[in-house]
Protein backbone atom coordinates (compact mmCIF):
# COMPACT_ATOMS: atom_id res chain seq x y z
CA MET A 1 71.38 108.06 116.90
CA THR A 2 70.46 110.68 119.45
CA LEU A 3 72.68 113.15 121.26
CA ILE A 4 72.26 111.09 124.43
CA GLU A 5 73.89 108.06 122.72
CA ILE A 6 76.98 109.98 121.56
CA PRO A 7 78.72 110.16 124.99
CA ASP A 8 78.20 106.40 125.41
CA ILE A 9 79.78 105.73 122.00
CA LEU A 10 82.71 108.03 122.83
CA THR A 11 83.21 106.34 126.20
CA LYS A 12 83.27 102.89 124.56
CA SER A 13 85.52 104.10 121.73
CA ASN A 14 87.99 105.59 124.19
CA ALA A 15 87.98 102.37 126.22
CA ASN A 16 88.74 100.37 123.05
CA LEU A 17 91.58 102.72 122.11
CA LYS A 18 93.04 102.54 125.62
CA TRP A 19 92.83 98.73 125.52
CA PHE A 20 94.60 98.75 122.15
CA ILE A 21 97.42 100.91 123.51
CA ASP A 22 97.74 98.87 126.71
CA ASN A 23 97.83 95.58 124.78
CA HIS A 24 99.92 96.68 121.82
CA GLU A 25 102.76 94.21 122.46
CA MET A 26 100.39 91.23 122.70
CA LEU A 27 98.66 92.36 119.51
CA LEU A 28 102.01 92.59 117.72
CA ASP A 29 102.84 89.03 118.77
CA LYS A 30 99.47 87.54 117.88
CA TYR A 31 98.15 89.60 114.93
CA GLN A 32 101.25 90.68 112.99
CA GLU A 33 100.39 92.03 109.50
CA LYS A 34 96.62 91.73 110.13
CA PHE A 35 93.68 94.03 110.56
CA VAL A 36 91.91 93.62 113.88
CA ALA A 37 88.52 94.79 115.05
CA ILE A 38 88.40 95.70 118.73
CA ASP A 39 85.16 96.16 120.63
CA GLU A 40 84.26 95.83 124.28
CA GLU A 41 88.01 95.88 124.97
CA GLN A 42 88.80 92.67 123.08
CA VAL A 43 89.64 91.52 119.56
CA ILE A 44 86.38 90.42 117.97
CA GLU A 45 87.68 89.67 114.46
CA SER A 46 90.95 89.63 112.54
CA SER A 47 92.01 89.19 108.92
CA SER A 48 94.88 90.05 106.61
CA ASP A 49 92.27 91.53 104.24
CA ILE A 50 90.32 94.63 105.33
CA LYS A 51 87.42 93.87 102.99
CA GLU A 52 87.08 90.36 104.42
CA LEU A 53 87.25 91.72 107.96
CA MET A 54 84.46 94.22 107.31
CA GLU A 55 82.29 91.63 105.57
CA ASN A 56 82.69 89.20 108.49
CA LEU A 57 81.81 91.90 111.01
CA LYS A 58 78.70 92.86 109.05
CA GLN A 59 77.59 89.25 108.50
CA ASN A 60 77.91 88.50 112.21
CA ASN A 61 76.30 91.80 113.29
CA ARG A 62 79.45 92.74 115.21
CA LEU A 63 80.19 96.10 113.63
CA SER A 64 79.31 98.78 116.17
CA ASP A 65 79.81 102.53 116.22
CA SER A 66 82.39 102.12 118.97
CA ALA A 67 84.47 99.41 117.24
CA LEU A 68 88.11 100.22 116.52
CA ILE A 69 89.77 98.82 113.40
CA GLN A 70 93.57 98.70 113.39
CA TYR A 71 96.30 97.34 111.14
CA ILE A 72 98.99 95.69 113.23
CA ASN A 73 102.65 95.70 112.25
CA ASN A 74 105.86 96.41 114.10
CA ARG A 75 107.01 99.21 111.82
CA ASN A 76 104.08 101.58 112.09
CA THR A 77 100.68 100.77 113.53
CA LYS A 78 98.10 102.95 111.81
CA LEU A 79 94.64 103.96 112.96
CA THR A 80 92.27 102.71 110.28
CA ILE A 81 88.81 103.65 111.53
């Protein structure tokens, strides 16, 4: 990774975080008690098991530097990665 790529990764990461915040209610309805991977401003994978989620992302070559991984619950949504 070069210094030129870092701003692009930050821009994409910020867009994913903004999408997560803007769509939090929908995510609560659809992915309650699950881990979700968000990239390109959409959910690309979900699972109730973080290890399974990460394995699926790696197997399908969908784990990017800008991906956001979140655990969704209505009590306290926590930033995972």
